[in-house]
Amino acid sequence: MTSEFGMAVHALTFLNHKGEMVSSEVLAENICTNPARVRKVMAKLKRAGLVTTREGLDGGYLFNGPADKVTLSMIAQAVEARFVSSSWKSGNQDMDCLVASGMAGLLDGIYDQLDRRCYERLEKLTVEDINGKIFGAG
C-alpha cells in the first residue's frame, strides 16, 4: 500500500472540516508533506469527482460532499489503493515442484481476497465518520 490513501482521507477530512477552498500548500502543511505530492493525489480525487478545483491566486480544492455519502472505499478506488499485495513473488511457475510453481498464484489469490475485504469494510466508513472520530462525536 502507498501513502496516497492516507493522504487522500486526510485531505478530504480537512477540506470537509474547513468548508472552503483550500490551496495545495495549506493542505500539504496540514498533511505534513510537500505540495507536489498533494497535487498528485488531489488530481486523482478530482477525476473521481470528490473535489472541485479552481486555478489562480485564490484557487485550490473544495470537497464535493456530502461527507456522510463519501465512503473510504470511494476514496481508495480514486487513488487505486491496494491494501494487501506483494511486489516479490516466491517460487517460479516453470519449476517442476508443485509448491514452487503454485505458491505465487495461490498467494496472489489470497491477497486479492484480503484486498476485497478491506474495500468492503471501507464501504461502511464515511468522511463524516472520520470527522466524528476526530472531533469526539464517534
C-alpha atoms as a PDB file:
ATOM      1  CA  MET A   1       0.000   0.000   0.000  1.00  0.00           C
ATOM      2  CA  THR A   2       1.214   3.516  -0.756  1.00  0.00           C
ATOM      3  CA  SER A   3       0.677   6.625   1.345  1.00  0.00           C
ATOM      4  CA  GLU A   4      -1.784   8.071  -1.187  1.00  0.00           C
ATOM      5  CA  PHE A   5      -4.846   6.578   0.532  1.00  0.00           C
ATOM      6  CA  GLY A   6      -3.945   8.109   3.893  1.00  0.00           C
ATOM      7  CA  MET A   7      -3.160  11.440   2.272  1.00  0.00           C
ATOM      8  CA  ALA A   8      -6.486  11.399   0.404  1.00  0.00           C
ATOM      9  CA  VAL A   9      -8.525  10.601   3.530  1.00  0.00           C
ATOM     10  CA  HIS A  10      -6.659  13.303   5.443  1.00  0.00           C
ATOM     11  CA  ALA A  11      -7.180  15.876   2.683  1.00  0.00           C
ATOM     12  CA  LEU A  12     -10.901  15.197   2.288  1.00  0.00           C
ATOM     13  CA  THR A  13     -11.463  15.217   6.039  1.00  0.00           C
ATOM     14  CA  PHE A  14      -9.628  18.541   6.318  1.00  0.00           C
ATOM     15  CA  LEU A  15     -11.490  20.029   3.333  1.00  0.00           C
ATOM     16  CA  ASN A  16     -14.814  18.903   4.790  1.00  0.00           C
ATOM     17  CA  HIS A  17     -13.902  20.455   8.134  1.00  0.00           C
ATOM     18  CA  LYS A  18     -12.826  23.753   6.557  1.00  0.00           C
ATOM     19  CA  GLY A  19     -15.814  24.004   4.221  1.00  0.00           C
ATOM     20  CA  GLU A  20     -13.965  26.319   1.857  1.00  0.00           C
ATOM     21  CA  MET A  21     -11.432  26.380  -0.980  1.00  0.00           C
ATOM     22  CA  VAL A  22      -8.008  25.323   0.325  1.00  0.00           C
ATOM     23  CA  SER A  23      -4.675  25.578  -1.524  1.00  0.00           C
ATOM     24  CA  SER A  24      -2.300  22.662  -2.018  1.00  0.00           C
ATOM     25  CA  GLU A  25       0.204  24.500   0.184  1.00  0.00           C
ATOM     26  CA  VAL A  26      -2.229  24.671   3.105  1.00  0.00           C
ATOM     27  CA  LEU A  27      -3.226  21.023   2.571  1.00  0.00           C
ATOM     28  CA  ALA A  28       0.435  19.985   2.414  1.00  0.00           C
ATOM     29  CA  GLU A  29       1.191  21.801   5.665  1.00  0.00           C
ATOM     30  CA  ASN A  30      -1.716  20.071   7.416  1.00  0.00           C
ATOM     31  CA  ILE A  31      -0.854  16.629   5.991  1.00  0.00           C
ATOM     32  CA  CYS A  32       2.868  17.190   6.704  1.00  0.00           C
ATOM     33  CA  THR A  33       4.101  16.548   3.183  1.00  0.00           C
ATOM     34  CA  ASN A  34       5.023  18.625   0.163  1.00  0.00           C
ATOM     35  CA  PRO A  35       2.541  20.380  -2.146  1.00  0.00           C
ATOM     36  CA  ALA A  36       3.629  18.402  -5.236  1.00  0.00           C
ATOM     37  CA  ARG A  37       2.618  15.111  -3.578  1.00  0.00           C
ATOM     38  CA  VAL A  38      -0.680  16.667  -2.522  1.00  0.00           C
ATOM     39  CA  ARG A  39      -1.407  17.887  -6.052  1.00  0.00           C
ATOM     40  CA  LYS A  40      -0.772  14.387  -7.437  1.00  0.00           C
ATOM     41  CA  VAL A  41      -3.287  12.828  -5.029  1.00  0.00           C
ATOM     42  CA  MET A  42      -5.790  15.652  -5.454  1.00  0.00           C
ATOM     43  CA  ALA A  43      -5.734  15.183  -9.245  1.00  0.00           C
ATOM     44  CA  LYS A  44      -6.966  11.618  -8.700  1.00  0.00           C
ATOM     45  CA  LEU A  45      -9.675  12.825  -6.320  1.00  0.00           C
ATOM     46  CA  LYS A  46     -10.750  15.423  -8.870  1.00  0.00           C
ATOM     47  CA  ARG A  47     -11.027  12.759 -11.608  1.00  0.00           C
ATOM     48  CA  ALA A  48     -13.226  10.753  -9.247  1.00  0.00           C
ATOM     49  CA  GLY A  49     -15.456  13.788  -8.643  1.00  0.00           C
ATOM     50  CA  LEU A  50     -14.623  14.006  -4.939  1.00  0.00           C
ATOM     51  CA  VAL A  51     -13.227  17.546  -5.149  1.00  0.00           C
ATOM     52  CA  THR A  52     -13.633  20.561  -7.354  1.00  0.00           C
ATOM     53  CA  THR A  53     -10.726  22.819  -8.184  1.00  0.00           C
ATOM     54  CA  ARG A  54     -10.115  26.418  -9.051  1.00  0.00           C
ATOM     55  CA  GLU A  55      -6.906  27.804 -10.504  1.00  0.00           C
ATOM     56  CA  GLY A  56      -5.340  31.125  -9.727  1.00  0.00           C
ATOM     57  CA  LEU A  57      -4.341  33.144  -6.709  1.00  0.00           C
ATOM     58  CA  ASP A  58      -7.471  32.246  -4.751  1.00  0.00           C
ATOM     59  CA  GLY A  59      -7.552  28.720  -6.153  1.00  0.00           C
ATOM     60  CA  GLY A  60      -7.340  25.347  -4.536  1.00  0.00           C
ATOM     61  CA  TYR A  61      -9.581  22.425  -3.703  1.00  0.00           C
ATOM     62  CA  LEU A  62     -13.117  22.152  -2.374  1.00  0.00           C
ATOM     63  CA  PHE A  63     -14.685  18.954  -1.024  1.00  0.00           C
ATOM     64  CA  ASN A  64     -17.596  17.634  -3.116  1.00  0.00           C
ATOM     65  CA  GLY A  65     -19.595  16.125  -0.236  1.00  0.00           C
ATOM     66  CA  PRO A  66     -21.888  15.260   1.347  1.00  0.00           C
ATOM     67  CA  ALA A  67     -19.485  13.801   3.878  1.00  0.00           C
ATOM     68  CA  ASP A  68     -21.949  11.137   5.021  1.00  0.00           C
ATOM     69  CA  LYS A  69     -22.135   9.712   1.481  1.00  0.00           C
ATOM     70  CA  VAL A  70     -18.430   9.691   0.546  1.00  0.00           C
ATOM     71  CA  THR A  71     -17.055   6.346   1.703  1.00  0.00           C
ATOM     72  CA  LEU A  72     -13.453   5.460   2.326  1.00  0.00           C
ATOM     73  CA  SER A  73     -13.937   2.777  -0.328  1.00  0.00           C
ATOM     74  CA  MET A  74     -14.692   5.525  -2.868  1.00  0.00           C
ATOM     75  CA  ILE A  75     -11.504   7.291  -1.828  1.00  0.00           C
ATOM     76  CA  ALA A  76      -9.492   4.072  -2.103  1.00  0.00           C
ATOM     77  CA  GLN A  77     -10.882   3.476  -5.593  1.00  0.00           C
ATOM     78  CA  ALA A  78      -9.994   7.032  -6.599  1.00  0.00           C
ATOM     79  CA  VAL A  79      -6.335   6.556  -5.670  1.00  0.00           C
ATOM     80  CA  GLU A  80      -6.312   2.926  -6.874  1.00  0.00           C
ATOM     81  CA  ALA A  81      -5.265   1.659  -3.445  1.00  0.00           C
ATOM     82  CA  ARG A  82      -4.115  -1.912  -2.961  1.00  0.00           C
ATOM     83  CA  PHE A  83      -4.108  -2.755   0.736  1.00  0.00           C
ATOM     84  CA  VAL A  84      -2.698  -6.259   0.545  1.00  0.00           C
ATOM     85  CA  SER A  85      -0.178  -7.133  -2.142  1.00  0.00           C
ATOM     86  CA  SER A  86       3.402  -8.146  -2.656  1.00  0.00           C
ATOM     87  CA  SER A  87       5.850  -6.894  -5.234  1.00  0.00           C
ATOM     88  CA  TRP A  88       8.009 -10.002  -4.757  1.00  0.00           C
ATOM     89  CA  LYS A  89       6.766 -13.480  -5.597  1.00  0.00           C
ATOM     90  CA  SER A  90       8.293 -16.688  -4.309  1.00  0.00           C
ATOM     91  CA  GLY A  91       8.797 -19.738  -6.469  1.00  0.00           C
ATOM     92  CA  ASN A  92       8.625 -20.000 -10.224  1.00  0.00           C
ATOM     93  CA  GLN A  93       5.694 -21.138 -12.376  1.00  0.00           C
ATOM     94  CA  ASP A  94       8.062 -23.048 -14.658  1.00  0.00           C
ATOM     95  CA  MET A  95       9.525 -25.269 -11.925  1.00  0.00           C
ATOM     96  CA  ASP A  96       8.511 -28.935 -11.597  1.00  0.00           C
ATOM     97  CA  CYS A  97       7.877 -28.642  -7.862  1.00  0.00           C
ATOM     98  CA  LEU A  98       4.164 -28.054  -7.170  1.00  0.00           C
ATOM     99  CA  VAL A  99       4.954 -25.799  -4.216  1.00  0.00           C
ATOM    100  CA  ALA A 100       7.398 -23.634  -6.176  1.00  0.00           C
ATOM    101  CA  SER A 101       5.188 -23.458  -9.263  1.00  0.00           C
ATOM    102  CA  GLY A 102       1.937 -22.808  -7.402  1.00  0.00           C
ATOM    103  CA  MET A 103       2.833 -20.554  -4.491  1.00  0.00           C
ATOM    104  CA  ALA A 104       2.844 -17.154  -6.238  1.00  0.00           C
ATOM    105  CA  GLY A 105      -0.571 -17.658  -7.818  1.00  0.00           C
ATOM    106  CA  LEU A 106      -2.036 -19.026  -4.615  1.00  0.00           C
ATOM    107  CA  LEU A 107      -0.785 -16.087  -2.561  1.00  0.00           C
ATOM    108  CA  ASP A 108      -1.982 -13.595  -5.187  1.00  0.00           C
ATOM    109  CA  GLY A 109      -5.479 -15.062  -4.796  1.00  0.00           C
ATOM    110  CA  ILE A 110      -5.300 -14.699  -1.019  1.00  0.00           C
ATOM    111  CA  TYR A 111      -4.059 -11.115  -1.364  1.00  0.00           C
ATOM    112  CA  ASP A 112      -6.939 -10.320  -3.735  1.00  0.00           C
ATOM    113  CA  GLN A 113      -9.474 -11.732  -1.255  1.00  0.00           C
ATOM    114  CA  LEU A 114      -7.990  -9.715   1.600  1.00  0.00           C
ATOM    115  CA  ASP A 115      -7.973  -6.582  -0.537  1.00  0.00           C
ATOM    116  CA  ARG A 116     -11.679  -7.076  -1.353  1.00  0.00           C
ATOM    117  CA  ARG A 117     -12.392  -7.455   2.381  1.00  0.00           C
ATOM    118  CA  CYS A 118     -10.628  -4.160   3.047  1.00  0.00           C
ATOM    119  CA  TYR A 119     -12.778  -2.430   0.413  1.00  0.00           C
ATOM    120  CA  GLU A 120     -15.927  -3.993   1.903  1.00  0.00           C
ATOM    121  CA  ARG A 121     -15.030  -2.643   5.348  1.00  0.00           C
ATOM    122  CA  LEU A 122     -14.181   0.792   3.957  1.00  0.00           C
ATOM    123  CA  GLU A 123     -17.592   0.898   2.262  1.00  0.00           C
ATOM    124  CA  LYS A 124     -19.066   1.195   5.769  1.00  0.00           C
ATOM    125  CA  LEU A 125     -16.943   4.219   6.766  1.00  0.00           C
ATOM    126  CA  THR A 126     -17.511   7.760   5.519  1.00  0.00           C
ATOM    127  CA  VAL A 127     -15.678  11.066   5.696  1.00  0.00           C
ATOM    128  CA  GLU A 128     -18.346  12.085   8.225  1.00  0.00           C
ATOM    129  CA  ASP A 129     -17.400   9.090  10.405  1.00  0.00           C
ATOM    130  CA  ILE A 130     -13.752  10.172  10.326  1.00  0.00           C
ATOM    131  CA  ASN A 131     -14.710  13.727  11.301  1.00  0.00           C
ATOM    132  CA  GLY A 132     -16.811  12.311  14.145  1.00  0.00           C
ATOM    133  CA  LYS A 133     -13.884  10.290  15.473  1.00  0.00           C
ATOM    134  CA  ILE A 134     -11.557  13.286  15.327  1.00  0.00           C
ATOM    135  CA  PHE A 135     -13.981  15.707  16.940  1.00  0.00           C
ATOM    136  CA  GLY A 136     -15.304  13.259  19.537  1.00  0.00           C
ATOM    137  CA  ALA A 137     -18.739  12.501  18.102  1.00  0.00           C
ATOM    138  CA  GLY A 138     -17.924   8.910  17.130  1.00  0.00           C
END
